[in-house]
């Protein structure tokens, strides 16, 4: 199979040129789209401190239920939409979904009741569930295993970095309304802004997003080079396994312990994510800061997070086997930061130490983001990738739902029990990640012993690994496949 791509005729310079072109076109677009998706999802928390609940007459748990329904829809449609992306042009499919949720976000600016928000937040969750698993598939189809982590962290860093211009826009919108009472409410203008940027990005995605075989910005020769590059992953190309759903792969995925490690890590991390996404702004105002200060100072948190992403991304590219160590360190930092926030007295003199600790809480996304990137690096078999991705994002949804409910109205405004719960989940995450890494080390050792017994040369082993990958053989069944850590 490798010979059909004439790898021997492809120079290192051609490989590098195609990689540079991909980095320049695909990664910035994915960065922007991911940042927009995050701001569309989390913007509700900022809109909340500028009057959303008051204007729509929400009370009790109605506000937190908006997050619940968002993630319920996200989870329900994860499997069918993953199947859809496997059968259709993934770039065009993602662009259409993005256009539709852009409309949903835009029209929320005109809502006056909780019921309207409930219906449209549910629709938004249904449509947004495609981005993260879709991007994981794209990363796997464009990049080698060693490049997966750094490229995934590039677009995932938009979770923090794109929040800076969004927060500055929110701040300007809120200040305008403060100086022009009676004008369009600030939270409504924020929704218009979010919807507009989403619609613009969806149009660009229609023309530029896709797998190597689908995009128009590669020449025929460059498409051959792009596919030859990913053959080294021993997981096939972007066309491998597209003819149909493989039920044997689907069932075998549930027998793989990695699924349960992935599920557990994502669920625990997203308990924290769900709580902070829904109530993070309120927690910060409870320290003694105004809504305007919360929006402005959140840029410091985003900047720190971006620097952390860059450190992890660059080091993971240069040094093998350290990704999961970074996951452990990140969870430990959040564990300590949350504990300090919960245990420090409520007095105003402690507001800056608490805010400083809060700025570190965005590290909680590293375990789940890195786990998602490991799906691309450590999974072979088209159907298996779809099933594993869907299960992980179900964990993502249920974790976020649970997180939105740990903050009980009776604990407002400081939510100390909820903060302690978040700290505990990060502590458990450290242990689970450590066990997961030990398991992967053991599996790699077993595979190495099997290959050594075959007596093959390195070249023969590489060729056999590529052939099995091109035949859509899973990582478990391919003895030449090695797990990244």
Protein backbone atom coordinates (compact mmCIF):
# COMPACT_ATOMS: atom_id res chain seq x y z
CA UNK A 1 0.00 0.00 0.00
CA UNK A 2 2.86 2.34 0.82
CA UNK A 3 4.22 1.98 -2.71
CA UNK A 4 1.11 3.41 -4.29
CA UNK A 5 2.09 6.74 -2.77
CA UNK A 6 5.62 6.44 -4.14
CA UNK A 7 7.16 7.41 -0.81
CA UNK A 8 10.66 6.73 -2.14
CA UNK A 9 10.12 9.47 -4.73
CA UNK A 10 9.11 12.09 -2.15
CA UNK A 11 11.88 14.27 -0.81
CA UNK A 12 12.13 15.57 2.73
CA UNK A 13 11.73 19.09 1.35
CA UNK A 14 8.37 18.13 -0.20
CA UNK A 15 7.20 16.72 3.12
CA UNK A 16 8.25 19.91 4.89
CA UNK A 17 6.66 22.16 2.26
CA UNK A 18 3.28 20.41 2.53
CA UNK A 19 3.46 20.51 6.33
CA UNK A 20 4.21 24.26 6.28
CA UNK A 21 1.35 24.90 3.87
CA UNK A 22 -1.01 22.90 6.06
CA UNK A 23 0.13 24.77 9.17
CA UNK A 24 -0.39 28.14 7.48
CA UNK A 25 -3.89 27.42 6.16
CA UNK A 26 -5.52 24.74 8.28
CA UNK A 27 -4.31 25.51 11.82
CA UNK A 28 -5.25 29.26 11.87
CA UNK A 29 -8.74 28.39 10.58
CA UNK A 30 -9.20 25.64 13.16
CA UNK A 31 -7.86 27.98 15.85
CA UNK A 32 -10.43 30.64 14.96
CA UNK A 33 -13.30 28.18 14.66
CA UNK A 34 -12.47 26.54 17.97
CA UNK A 35 -12.11 29.90 19.71
CA UNK A 36 -15.48 30.97 18.36
CA UNK A 37 -17.10 27.73 19.50
CA UNK A 38 -15.71 28.22 23.00
CA UNK A 39 -16.80 31.86 23.20
CA UNK A 40 -20.28 31.00 21.89
CA UNK A 41 -20.60 28.34 24.58
CA UNK A 42 -19.09 30.25 27.52
CA UNK A 43 -20.34 33.72 26.60
CA UNK A 44 -23.52 32.98 28.51
CA UNK A 45 -21.65 33.36 31.82
CA UNK A 46 -20.52 36.88 30.93
CA UNK A 47 -23.96 37.78 29.58
CA UNK A 48 -25.34 36.58 32.91
CA UNK A 49 -23.47 39.16 35.04
CA UNK A 50 -24.79 41.91 32.75
CA UNK A 51 -28.46 41.24 33.32
CA UNK A 52 -29.48 38.17 31.32
CA UNK A 53 -31.25 36.45 34.23
CA UNK A 54 -33.02 39.63 35.30
CA UNK A 55 -34.22 40.54 31.82
CA UNK A 56 -35.53 37.05 31.10
CA UNK A 57 -37.03 36.56 34.60
CA UNK A 58 -35.04 33.43 35.44
CA UNK A 59 -35.06 32.11 39.00
CA UNK A 60 -33.81 29.11 41.02
CA UNK A 61 -32.00 26.54 38.88
CA UNK A 62 -33.35 27.80 35.57
CA UNK A 63 -30.05 29.42 34.62
CA UNK A 64 -27.97 26.29 35.37
CA UNK A 65 -30.49 24.18 33.43
CA UNK A 66 -29.46 26.04 30.28
CA UNK A 67 -26.06 24.37 30.62
CA UNK A 68 -27.67 21.00 31.37
CA UNK A 69 -29.78 21.05 28.20
CA UNK A 70 -26.85 22.26 26.11
CA UNK A 71 -24.80 19.22 27.10
CA UNK A 72 -27.70 16.77 27.03
CA UNK A 73 -28.21 17.63 23.36
CA UNK A 74 -24.44 17.54 22.84
CA UNK A 75 -24.33 13.97 24.17
CA UNK A 76 -27.43 12.67 22.38
CA UNK A 77 -26.28 13.79 18.93
CA UNK A 78 -22.61 12.82 19.38
CA UNK A 79 -22.97 9.30 17.93
CA UNK A 80 -25.21 10.10 14.92
CA UNK A 81 -23.18 13.14 13.92
CA UNK A 82 -19.90 11.23 14.25
CA UNK A 83 -21.37 8.64 11.91
CA UNK A 84 -22.45 11.40 9.56
CA UNK A 85 -18.96 12.94 9.47
CA UNK A 86 -17.51 9.52 8.67
CA UNK A 87 -19.73 9.19 5.58
CA UNK A 88 -19.76 12.79 4.29
CA UNK A 89 -17.21 15.48 3.44
CA UNK A 90 -16.11 16.44 6.95
CA UNK A 91 -15.09 20.01 6.09
CA UNK A 92 -18.39 20.89 4.42
CA UNK A 93 -20.35 19.15 7.18
CA UNK A 94 -18.62 21.15 9.93
CA UNK A 95 -19.14 24.40 7.99
CA UNK A 96 -22.90 23.78 7.68
CA UNK A 97 -23.28 22.97 11.36
CA UNK A 98 -21.31 26.08 12.29
CA UNK A 99 -23.50 28.28 10.08
CA UNK A 100 -26.63 26.90 11.73
CA UNK A 101 -25.43 27.43 15.29
CA UNK A 102 -24.29 30.93 14.30
CA UNK A 103 -27.91 31.72 13.51
CA UNK A 104 -28.98 30.19 16.84
CA UNK A 105 -26.53 32.36 18.82
CA UNK A 106 -27.45 35.49 16.86
CA UNK A 107 -31.19 35.27 17.52
CA UNK A 108 -30.69 34.75 21.27
CA UNK A 109 -30.09 38.49 21.48
CA UNK A 110 -33.84 39.02 21.07
CA UNK A 111 -35.16 36.52 23.63
CA UNK A 112 -37.30 37.64 26.55
CA UNK A 113 -38.09 34.38 28.37
CA UNK A 114 -36.29 31.39 29.87
CA UNK A 115 -38.28 28.99 27.66
CA UNK A 116 -36.87 30.58 24.49
CA UNK A 117 -33.34 30.21 25.81
CA UNK A 118 -33.96 26.59 26.79
CA UNK A 119 -35.05 25.63 23.28
CA UNK A 120 -32.22 27.41 21.50
CA UNK A 121 -29.44 26.44 23.93
CA UNK A 122 -30.53 22.84 23.30
CA UNK A 123 -30.24 23.42 19.55
CA UNK A 124 -26.86 25.06 20.07
CA UNK A 125 -25.57 22.03 21.97
CA UNK A 126 -26.82 19.71 19.25
CA UNK A 127 -24.98 21.65 16.54
CA UNK A 128 -21.75 22.42 18.42
CA UNK A 129 -21.10 18.75 19.28
CA UNK A 130 -19.43 18.26 15.89
CA UNK A 131 -16.44 20.58 16.25
CA UNK A 132 -14.15 18.82 18.76
CA UNK A 133 -14.48 15.25 17.41
CA UNK A 134 -14.35 16.59 13.85
CA UNK A 135 -11.13 18.46 14.56
CA UNK A 136 -9.57 15.38 16.16
CA UNK A 137 -10.30 13.44 12.98
CA UNK A 138 -8.75 16.20 10.86
CA UNK A 139 -5.58 16.32 12.99
CA UNK A 140 -5.21 12.55 12.61
CA UNK A 141 -5.62 12.78 8.82
CA UNK A 142 -3.12 15.61 8.31
CA UNK A 143 -0.33 15.05 10.83
CA UNK A 144 2.04 12.38 12.10
CA UNK A 145 1.60 11.02 15.63
CA UNK A 146 4.48 13.11 16.94
CA UNK A 147 2.80 16.26 15.60
CA UNK A 148 -0.68 15.54 16.97
CA UNK A 149 -0.23 17.06 20.42
CA UNK A 150 1.36 20.33 19.30
CA UNK A 151 -1.16 20.90 16.48
CA UNK A 152 -4.14 20.01 18.68
CA UNK A 153 -2.89 22.35 21.40
CA UNK A 154 -2.48 25.07 18.76
CA UNK A 155 -6.18 25.16 17.98
CA UNK A 156 -7.18 24.32 21.55
CA UNK A 157 -5.19 27.31 22.82
CA UNK A 158 -7.96 29.41 21.29
CA UNK A 159 -9.94 28.34 24.36
CA UNK A 160 -7.90 31.01 26.17
CA UNK A 161 -6.26 33.18 23.51
CA UNK A 162 -9.38 33.98 21.48
CA UNK A 163 -11.06 34.88 24.77
CA UNK A 164 -8.86 38.00 24.98
CA UNK A 165 -10.33 39.91 21.97
CA UNK A 166 -13.78 38.57 22.86
CA UNK A 167 -13.50 39.82 26.44
CA UNK A 168 -12.23 43.21 25.28
CA UNK A 169 -15.21 43.47 22.93
CA UNK A 170 -17.56 42.49 25.77
CA UNK A 171 -15.94 45.14 27.98
CA UNK A 172 -16.41 47.83 25.33
CA UNK A 173 -20.03 46.81 24.75
CA UNK A 174 -20.77 46.89 28.50
CA UNK A 175 -19.12 50.28 28.95
CA UNK A 176 -21.10 51.70 26.03
CA UNK A 177 -24.36 50.59 27.61
CA UNK A 178 -23.26 52.04 30.97
CA UNK A 179 -22.75 55.46 29.38
CA UNK A 180 -25.89 55.19 27.21
CA UNK A 181 -28.68 53.96 29.49
CA UNK A 182 -31.76 52.75 27.66
CA UNK A 183 -29.77 51.52 24.65
CA UNK A 184 -29.72 47.90 23.50
CA UNK A 185 -28.81 45.84 26.57
CA UNK A 186 -25.13 44.85 26.78
CA UNK A 187 -25.76 41.10 26.97
CA UNK A 188 -27.93 41.29 23.86
CA UNK A 189 -25.19 43.10 21.92
CA UNK A 190 -22.72 40.43 23.07
CA UNK A 191 -24.95 37.74 21.58
CA UNK A 192 -25.13 39.63 18.27
CA UNK A 193 -21.35 39.88 18.17
CA UNK A 194 -20.88 36.16 18.90
CA UNK A 195 -23.42 35.12 16.27
CA UNK A 196 -21.90 37.35 13.59
CA UNK A 197 -18.34 36.06 14.03
CA UNK A 198 -19.64 32.48 13.87
CA UNK A 199 -21.45 33.06 10.58
CA UNK A 200 -18.37 34.65 9.00
CA UNK A 201 -16.12 31.77 10.11
CA UNK A 202 -18.54 29.16 8.75
CA UNK A 203 -18.28 30.66 5.25
CA UNK A 204 -14.46 30.47 5.32
CA UNK A 205 -14.68 26.90 6.64
CA UNK A 206 -16.81 25.91 3.63
CA UNK A 207 -13.96 26.83 1.26
CA UNK A 208 -10.86 25.82 3.24
CA UNK A 209 -11.65 23.06 5.76
CA UNK A 210 -11.33 19.35 4.93
CA UNK A 211 -9.09 16.30 4.66
CA UNK A 212 -6.14 16.11 2.19
CA UNK A 213 -8.29 14.50 -0.50
CA UNK A 214 -11.09 17.06 -0.15
CA UNK A 215 -9.44 20.50 -0.02
CA UNK A 216 -8.84 22.57 -3.13
CA UNK A 217 -5.75 24.38 -1.87
CA UNK A 218 -3.47 21.36 -2.42
CA UNK A 219 -2.21 20.29 -5.83
CA UNK A 220 -2.52 16.63 -6.89
CA UNK A 221 1.12 16.04 -6.04
CA UNK A 222 0.73 17.74 -2.63
CA UNK A 223 -2.24 15.48 -1.84
CA UNK A 224 -0.07 12.43 -2.52
CA UNK A 225 2.62 13.85 -0.21
CA UNK A 226 0.09 14.69 2.53
CA UNK A 227 -1.27 11.13 2.50
CA UNK A 228 2.20 9.57 2.42
CA UNK A 229 3.09 11.57 5.54
CA UNK A 230 0.24 10.15 7.63
CA UNK A 231 0.88 6.56 6.49
CA UNK A 232 3.73 6.64 9.01
CA UNK A 233 1.09 6.62 11.78
CA UNK A 234 0.16 3.02 10.82
CA UNK A 235 -3.48 4.13 10.85
CA UNK A 236 -4.16 4.53 7.13
CA UNK A 237 -5.12 7.71 5.28
CA UNK A 238 -8.18 9.98 5.22
CA UNK A 239 -9.93 7.49 2.90
CA UNK A 240 -9.23 4.41 5.01
CA UNK A 241 -12.36 2.82 6.45
CA UNK A 242 -14.82 5.18 4.76
CA UNK A 243 -16.77 2.47 2.93
CA UNK A 244 -18.89 1.50 5.89
CA UNK A 245 -19.34 1.05 9.60
CA UNK A 246 -17.30 -1.81 11.09
CA UNK A 247 -19.33 -3.36 13.91
CA UNK A 248 -16.45 -5.61 15.01
CA UNK A 249 -14.36 -2.51 15.62
CA UNK A 250 -17.24 -0.83 17.40
CA UNK A 251 -17.72 -3.68 19.89
CA UNK A 252 -13.99 -4.26 20.40
CA UNK A 253 -13.58 -0.61 21.38
CA UNK A 254 -15.58 -1.29 24.54
CA UNK A 255 -13.15 -4.08 25.46
CA UNK A 256 -10.19 -1.69 25.30
CA UNK A 257 -9.23 -0.29 28.76
CA UNK A 258 -8.11 2.94 27.06
CA UNK A 259 -11.76 3.86 26.46
CA UNK A 260 -12.40 3.83 30.20
CA UNK A 261 -9.25 5.80 31.02
CA UNK A 262 -10.26 8.38 28.40
CA UNK A 263 -13.84 8.50 29.67
CA UNK A 264 -12.84 8.90 33.31
CA UNK A 265 -10.25 11.64 32.69
CA UNK A 266 -12.61 13.63 30.49
CA UNK A 267 -15.53 13.28 32.91
CA UNK A 268 -13.49 14.45 35.91
CA UNK A 269 -11.90 17.38 34.08
CA UNK A 270 -15.25 18.51 32.71
CA UNK A 271 -16.87 18.63 36.13
CA UNK A 272 -14.50 21.54 36.76
CA UNK A 273 -15.07 22.94 33.27
CA UNK A 274 -18.85 22.85 33.61
CA UNK A 275 -18.79 24.57 36.99
CA UNK A 276 -16.41 27.33 35.87
CA UNK A 277 -18.13 27.83 32.51
CA UNK A 278 -21.49 28.41 34.20
CA UNK A 279 -20.49 30.07 37.47
CA UNK A 280 -16.89 31.26 37.01
CA UNK A 281 -17.83 34.92 36.63
CA UNK A 282 -20.03 34.77 39.72
CA UNK A 283 -17.23 33.15 41.75
CA UNK A 284 -14.92 36.00 40.78
CA UNK A 285 -17.44 38.69 41.70
CA UNK A 286 -17.80 36.96 45.09
CA UNK A 287 -14.12 37.79 45.72
CA UNK A 288 -15.12 41.47 45.69
CA UNK A 289 -14.62 42.48 42.03
CA UNK A 290 -17.12 44.30 39.82
CA UNK A 291 -18.50 42.69 36.62
CA UNK A 292 -16.34 45.06 34.55
CA UNK A 293 -13.21 44.06 36.48
CA UNK A 294 -14.05 40.37 36.07
CA UNK A 295 -14.29 40.72 32.27
CA UNK A 296 -11.08 42.75 32.08
CA UNK A 297 -8.98 40.70 34.50
CA UNK A 298 -10.05 37.48 32.81
CA UNK A 299 -7.60 38.42 30.06
CA UNK A 300 -4.76 37.79 32.52
CA UNK A 301 -6.12 34.27 33.05
CA UNK A 302 -6.33 33.76 29.29
CA UNK A 303 -2.77 35.02 28.79
CA UNK A 304 -1.36 32.70 31.47
CA UNK A 305 -3.27 29.79 29.91
CA UNK A 306 -1.95 30.59 26.45
CA UNK A 307 1.66 30.65 27.69
CA UNK A 308 1.07 27.29 29.41
CA UNK A 309 -0.36 25.86 26.17
CA UNK A 310 2.71 27.06 24.24
CA UNK A 311 5.13 25.55 26.76
CA UNK A 312 3.35 22.19 26.61
CA UNK A 313 2.95 22.25 22.82
CA UNK A 314 6.59 23.11 22.07
CA UNK A 315 8.07 20.73 24.63
CA UNK A 316 5.79 17.86 23.52
CA UNK A 317 7.08 18.25 19.97
CA UNK A 318 10.73 18.27 21.00
CA UNK A 319 10.64 15.56 23.64
CA UNK A 320 8.86 12.22 23.32
CA UNK A 321 6.79 10.69 26.09
CA UNK A 322 6.10 13.79 28.19
CA UNK A 323 2.50 14.64 27.25
CA UNK A 324 0.96 12.70 30.09
CA UNK A 325 3.42 14.18 32.57
CA UNK A 326 2.11 17.62 31.60
CA UNK A 327 -1.42 16.35 32.18
CA UNK A 328 -0.45 15.28 35.71
CA UNK A 329 1.27 18.60 36.49
CA UNK A 330 -1.71 20.61 35.19
CA UNK A 331 -4.22 18.70 37.30
CA UNK A 332 -2.00 19.11 40.38
CA UNK A 333 -1.84 22.89 39.87
CA UNK A 334 -5.64 23.17 39.63
CA UNK A 335 -6.08 20.87 42.65
CA UNK A 336 -3.94 23.20 44.78
CA UNK A 337 -5.44 26.43 43.36
CA UNK A 338 -9.01 25.30 44.02
CA UNK A 339 -8.12 24.19 47.53
CA UNK A 340 -6.61 27.59 48.33
CA UNK A 341 -9.71 29.41 47.00
CA UNK A 342 -11.96 27.23 49.16
CA UNK A 343 -9.91 27.50 52.35
CA UNK A 344 -8.94 31.19 52.34
CA UNK A 345 -11.22 33.40 54.48
CA UNK A 346 -13.95 35.40 52.76
CA UNK A 347 -12.52 38.78 53.87
CA UNK A 348 -11.78 41.37 51.17
CA UNK A 349 -8.04 41.36 51.92
CA UNK A 350 -7.77 37.89 50.37
CA UNK A 351 -9.45 38.76 47.09
CA UNK A 352 -6.20 39.13 45.11
CA UNK A 353 -4.66 35.82 46.28
CA UNK A 354 -7.97 34.14 45.40
CA UNK A 355 -8.07 35.79 41.99
CA UNK A 356 -4.45 34.76 41.38
CA UNK A 357 -5.38 31.15 42.12
CA UNK A 358 -8.43 31.45 39.91
CA UNK A 359 -6.20 32.50 37.01
CA UNK A 360 -4.54 29.07 37.24
CA UNK A 361 -7.80 27.14 37.05
CA UNK A 362 -7.86 27.23 33.26
CA UNK A 363 -5.13 24.58 33.38
CA UNK A 364 -8.02 22.17 33.99
CA UNK A 365 -8.56 21.97 30.23
CA UNK A 366 -5.14 20.35 29.67
CA UNK A 367 -6.12 16.82 30.84
CA UNK A 368 -9.20 16.67 28.60
CA UNK A 369 -7.58 18.44 25.64
CA UNK A 370 -4.50 16.22 25.79
CA UNK A 371 -6.67 13.13 26.16
CA UNK A 372 -8.56 14.13 23.00
CA UNK A 373 -5.26 14.59 21.15
CA UNK A 374 -4.23 11.12 22.29
CA UNK A 375 -7.28 9.73 20.49
CA UNK A 376 -5.67 10.87 17.24
CA UNK A 377 -2.23 9.57 18.18
CA UNK A 378 -3.18 6.31 19.86
CA UNK A 379 -6.14 4.99 17.89
CA UNK A 380 -6.28 3.19 14.55
CA UNK A 381 -9.44 1.98 12.83
CA UNK A 382 -11.93 4.47 11.41
CA UNK A 383 -14.94 3.08 13.27
CA UNK A 384 -12.96 2.71 16.49
CA UNK A 385 -11.91 6.36 16.34
CA UNK A 386 -15.55 7.39 15.85
CA UNK A 387 -16.80 5.25 18.75
CA UNK A 388 -14.01 6.32 21.09
CA UNK A 389 -14.46 9.98 20.17
CA UNK A 390 -18.20 9.76 20.72
CA UNK A 391 -17.80 8.08 24.12
CA UNK A 392 -15.22 10.62 25.23
CA UNK A 393 -17.47 13.49 24.26
CA UNK A 394 -20.37 11.87 26.08
CA UNK A 395 -18.05 11.99 29.11
CA UNK A 396 -17.40 15.61 28.21
CA UNK A 397 -21.12 16.34 28.25
CA UNK A 398 -22.00 14.43 31.40
CA UNK A 399 -19.04 15.96 33.21
CA UNK A 400 -20.10 19.47 32.23
CA UNK A 401 -23.69 18.73 33.27
CA UNK A 402 -22.50 17.46 36.65
CA UNK A 403 -20.24 20.49 37.02
CA UNK A 404 -23.07 22.94 36.41
CA UNK A 405 -25.02 21.28 39.25
CA UNK A 406 -22.30 21.18 41.93
CA UNK A 407 -22.84 24.91 42.42
CA UNK A 408 -26.03 24.98 44.46
CA UNK A 409 -28.08 28.21 44.85
CA UNK A 410 -27.93 27.89 48.68
CA UNK A 411 -24.10 28.10 48.51
CA UNK A 412 -24.08 31.38 46.57
CA UNK A 413 -22.17 33.59 46.12
CA UNK A 414 -18.95 31.85 47.26
CA UNK A 415 -19.90 28.23 46.41
CA UNK A 416 -17.26 26.82 48.79
CA UNK A 417 -18.61 23.19 48.72
CA UNK A 418 -18.59 23.29 44.91
CA UNK A 419 -15.00 24.58 44.82
CA UNK A 420 -13.92 21.76 47.16
CA UNK A 421 -15.63 19.25 44.86
CA UNK A 422 -13.68 20.63 41.89
CA UNK A 423 -10.41 20.34 43.81
CA UNK A 424 -11.18 16.73 44.68
CA UNK A 425 -11.87 15.75 41.06
CA UNK A 426 -8.49 17.13 40.03
CA UNK A 427 -6.78 15.08 42.72
CA UNK A 428 -8.45 11.90 41.46
CA UNK A 429 -7.46 12.82 37.89
CA UNK A 430 -3.77 12.79 38.85
CA UNK A 431 -4.08 9.19 39.99
CA UNK A 432 -6.04 8.03 36.91
CA UNK A 433 -3.60 9.63 34.45
CA UNK A 434 -0.68 7.95 36.23
CA UNK A 435 -2.37 4.52 35.95
CA UNK A 436 -3.21 5.17 32.28
CA UNK A 437 0.42 5.96 31.44
CA UNK A 438 1.65 2.82 33.20
CA UNK A 439 -0.83 0.77 31.16
CA UNK A 440 0.39 2.25 27.85
CA UNK A 441 4.04 1.61 28.77
CA UNK A 442 3.13 -2.04 29.41
CA UNK A 443 1.27 -2.37 26.08
CA UNK A 444 4.17 -0.90 24.10
CA UNK A 445 6.55 -3.35 25.76
CA UNK A 446 4.30 -6.28 24.79
CA UNK A 447 4.08 -5.10 21.18
CA UNK A 448 7.86 -4.68 20.97
CA UNK A 449 8.35 -8.28 22.15
CA UNK A 450 5.91 -9.59 19.51
CA UNK A 451 7.66 -7.70 16.69
CA UNK A 452 11.11 -8.75 17.91
CA UNK A 453 10.02 -12.39 17.71
CA UNK A 454 9.15 -11.92 14.01
CA UNK A 455 12.79 -11.25 13.13
CA UNK A 456 11.96 -8.44 10.67
CA UNK A 457 14.29 -5.65 9.61
CA UNK A 458 13.23 -2.08 10.62
CA UNK A 459 12.24 -1.39 7.00
CA UNK A 460 10.10 -4.53 6.81
CA UNK A 461 8.44 -3.73 10.14
CA UNK A 462 7.63 -0.20 8.96
CA UNK A 463 6.14 -1.51 5.70
CA UNK A 464 4.02 -4.13 7.49
CA UNK A 465 2.78 -1.52 9.94
CA UNK A 466 1.72 0.80 7.12
CA UNK A 467 -0.01 -2.03 5.26
CA UNK A 468 -2.06 -3.02 8.31
CA UNK A 469 -2.94 0.62 8.95
CA UNK A 470 -4.11 1.03 5.35
CA UNK A 471 -6.31 -2.06 5.82
CA UNK A 472 -8.10 -0.28 8.69
CA UNK A 473 -6.66 -2.61 11.35
CA UNK A 474 -7.05 -1.23 14.89
CA UNK A 475 -4.17 -0.18 17.13
CA UNK A 476 -4.77 -3.19 19.40
CA UNK A 477 -4.57 -5.68 16.51
CA UNK A 478 -1.60 -4.03 14.81
CA UNK A 479 1.58 -5.17 16.64
CA UNK A 480 3.62 -2.49 14.83
CA UNK A 481 1.50 0.32 16.28
CA UNK A 482 3.08 2.21 19.19
CA UNK A 483 1.25 4.32 21.74
CA UNK A 484 2.27 7.93 22.37
CA UNK A 485 2.49 9.27 25.90
